[in-house]
Structure formats: structure tokens, C-alpha cells
Amino acid sequence: MSRLTELLRQVRKADAQLGTDLEAEVAALTKRRTFGLVFEQHQPEAVELPGRVVRRGDKVRVLPPRGGCPYVLCQAIFSSGTS
């Protein structure tokens, strides 16, 4: 932002009204949006909550039995060689 503020300062020296108007618009933008290194805020697709009790309406992921492999993976591995 320092480069932008420096440019706004130069514009204000050349044309005071234009510089003031641009600074007001930049101030409005910086209130709504953060600049610089920004990590977008989002809702995660899946969160593991091992101690939480499953309730009606919860979306759950059914895991294969321990030691087994997922059905799709097993089907892809074992069906490709045996036709």
C-alpha cells in the first residue's frame, strides 16, 4: 500500500480535488477488502470431530473397516487384472 499512497500523494499535489476523491475511494476499498498476502476465508469441506456424537442432519463419512481398503480402490486394483 505504500506505493499506492505515494502515488495518491503525487496526484494530490497536481490536483487537490482529484487526490482527495481517489483517497476516499481507496479508503472505502481497504475497509471492504484486505490487501497484501491474503488467505481466503472459507468454510472447510470436511472437519473431523472424533469426540462429537452424530446427530440427525449431520453429514458423515463412512469409513471402511480398519485394515481394509475402500471399496472403489479395491475394485479398481483387483478387477483390472482378472477379466
C-alpha atoms as a PDB file:
ATOM      1  CA  MET A   1       0.000   0.000   0.000  1.00  0.00           C
ATOM      2  CA  SER A   2       2.922   2.400   0.463  1.00  0.00           C
ATOM      3  CA  ARG A   3       3.416   2.666  -3.315  1.00  0.00           C
ATOM      4  CA  LEU A   4      -0.267   3.415  -3.756  1.00  0.00           C
ATOM      5  CA  THR A   5      -0.260   6.061  -1.033  1.00  0.00           C
ATOM      6  CA  GLU A   6       2.819   7.659  -2.583  1.00  0.00           C
ATOM      7  CA  LEU A   7       1.079   7.841  -5.958  1.00  0.00           C
ATOM      8  CA  LEU A   8      -2.026   9.321  -4.322  1.00  0.00           C
ATOM      9  CA  ARG A   9       0.161  11.934  -2.657  1.00  0.00           C
ATOM     10  CA  GLN A  10       1.642  12.876  -6.053  1.00  0.00           C
ATOM     11  CA  VAL A  11      -1.830  13.144  -7.595  1.00  0.00           C
ATOM     12  CA  ARG A  12      -2.987  15.323  -4.705  1.00  0.00           C
ATOM     13  CA  LYS A  13      -0.060  17.700  -5.342  1.00  0.00           C
ATOM     14  CA  ALA A  14      -1.039  18.012  -9.011  1.00  0.00           C
ATOM     15  CA  ASP A  15      -4.816  18.185  -8.453  1.00  0.00           C
ATOM     16  CA  ALA A  16      -6.075  18.533  -4.886  1.00  0.00           C
ATOM     17  CA  GLN A  17      -9.706  17.590  -5.572  1.00  0.00           C
ATOM     18  CA  LEU A  18      -8.817  14.503  -7.626  1.00  0.00           C
ATOM     19  CA  GLY A  19      -6.333  13.362  -4.975  1.00  0.00           C
ATOM     20  CA  THR A  20      -8.924  13.735  -2.222  1.00  0.00           C
ATOM     21  CA  ASP A  21     -11.540  11.838  -4.231  1.00  0.00           C
ATOM     22  CA  LEU A  22      -9.140   8.997  -5.020  1.00  0.00           C
ATOM     23  CA  GLU A  23      -8.049   8.725  -1.377  1.00  0.00           C
ATOM     24  CA  ALA A  24     -11.683   8.474  -0.304  1.00  0.00           C
ATOM     25  CA  GLU A  25     -12.298   5.653  -2.792  1.00  0.00           C
ATOM     26  CA  VAL A  26      -9.150   3.787  -1.750  1.00  0.00           C
ATOM     27  CA  ALA A  27     -10.165   4.142   1.909  1.00  0.00           C
ATOM     28  CA  ALA A  28     -13.578   2.645   1.096  1.00  0.00           C
ATOM     29  CA  LEU A  29     -11.913  -0.280  -0.716  1.00  0.00           C
ATOM     30  CA  THR A  30      -9.489  -1.010   2.099  1.00  0.00           C
ATOM     31  CA  LYS A  31     -12.374  -1.174   4.570  1.00  0.00           C
ATOM     32  CA  ARG A  32     -14.061  -3.900   2.500  1.00  0.00           C
ATOM     33  CA  ARG A  33     -11.034  -5.820   1.299  1.00  0.00           C
ATOM     34  CA  THR A  34      -7.677  -6.600   2.848  1.00  0.00           C
ATOM     35  CA  PHE A  35      -4.649  -6.113   0.656  1.00  0.00           C
ATOM     36  CA  GLY A  36      -1.293  -7.850   0.713  1.00  0.00           C
ATOM     37  CA  LEU A  37      -0.788 -11.517   1.467  1.00  0.00           C
ATOM     38  CA  VAL A  38      -4.362 -12.739   1.828  1.00  0.00           C
ATOM     39  CA  PHE A  39      -5.570 -16.223   2.599  1.00  0.00           C
ATOM     40  CA  GLU A  40      -9.156 -16.509   1.502  1.00  0.00           C
ATOM     41  CA  GLN A  41     -11.554 -17.211   4.302  1.00  0.00           C
ATOM     42  CA  HIS A  42     -13.735 -20.197   3.526  1.00  0.00           C
ATOM     43  CA  GLN A  43     -15.696 -22.948   5.170  1.00  0.00           C
ATOM     44  CA  PRO A  44     -13.798 -26.235   5.185  1.00  0.00           C
ATOM     45  CA  GLU A  45     -15.351 -29.091   3.252  1.00  0.00           C
ATOM     46  CA  ALA A  46     -14.677 -31.661   5.940  1.00  0.00           C
ATOM     47  CA  VAL A  47     -13.694 -31.404   9.582  1.00  0.00           C
ATOM     48  CA  GLU A  48     -13.025 -34.401  11.767  1.00  0.00           C
ATOM     49  CA  LEU A  49     -14.663 -34.175  15.183  1.00  0.00           C
ATOM     50  CA  PRO A  50     -13.809 -37.505  16.813  1.00  0.00           C
ATOM     51  CA  GLY A  51     -15.439 -36.800  20.187  1.00  0.00           C
ATOM     52  CA  ARG A  52     -18.723 -35.435  18.857  1.00  0.00           C
ATOM     53  CA  VAL A  53     -21.885 -37.518  18.871  1.00  0.00           C
ATOM     54  CA  VAL A  54     -23.529 -37.908  15.448  1.00  0.00           C
ATOM     55  CA  ARG A  55     -26.898 -36.149  15.258  1.00  0.00           C
ATOM     56  CA  ARG A  56     -29.714 -36.083  12.729  1.00  0.00           C
ATOM     57  CA  GLY A  57     -28.816 -33.821   9.801  1.00  0.00           C
ATOM     58  CA  ASP A  58     -25.048 -34.255  10.186  1.00  0.00           C
ATOM     59  CA  LYS A  59     -23.144 -35.199   7.072  1.00  0.00           C
ATOM     60  CA  VAL A  60     -20.859 -38.086   7.861  1.00  0.00           C
ATOM     61  CA  ARG A  61     -18.200 -40.010   6.016  1.00  0.00           C
ATOM     62  CA  VAL A  62     -18.495 -43.778   6.315  1.00  0.00           C
ATOM     63  CA  LEU A  63     -15.045 -45.286   6.576  1.00  0.00           C
ATOM     64  CA  PRO A  64     -14.111 -48.841   5.628  1.00  0.00           C
ATOM     65  CA  PRO A  65     -13.270 -51.288   8.425  1.00  0.00           C
ATOM     66  CA  ARG A  66      -9.787 -50.813   9.823  1.00  0.00           C
ATOM     67  CA  GLY A  67      -7.222 -52.715   7.833  1.00  0.00           C
ATOM     68  CA  GLY A  68      -9.494 -52.897   4.795  1.00  0.00           C
ATOM     69  CA  CYS A  69      -9.248 -50.699   1.754  1.00  0.00           C
ATOM     70  CA  PRO A  70     -12.060 -48.557   0.334  1.00  0.00           C
ATOM     71  CA  TYR A  71     -14.425 -50.429  -1.989  1.00  0.00           C
ATOM     72  CA  VAL A  72     -13.682 -48.302  -5.054  1.00  0.00           C
ATOM     73  CA  LEU A  73      -9.931 -48.679  -4.609  1.00  0.00           C
ATOM     74  CA  CYS A  74     -10.145 -52.438  -4.039  1.00  0.00           C
ATOM     75  CA  GLN A  75     -12.436 -52.814  -7.039  1.00  0.00           C
ATOM     76  CA  ALA A  76     -10.044 -50.852  -9.268  1.00  0.00           C
ATOM     77  CA  ILE A  77      -6.990 -52.814  -8.150  1.00  0.00           C
ATOM     78  CA  PHE A  78      -8.406 -56.324  -8.180  1.00  0.00           C
ATOM     79  CA  SER A  79     -10.790 -56.154 -11.148  1.00  0.00           C
ATOM     80  CA  SER A  80      -8.291 -54.776 -13.679  1.00  0.00           C
ATOM     81  CA  GLY A  81      -6.125 -57.926 -13.790  1.00  0.00           C
ATOM     82  CA  THR A  82      -8.912 -60.522 -13.606  1.00  0.00           C
ATOM     83  CA  SER A  83     -11.244 -60.392 -16.591  1.00  0.00           C
END
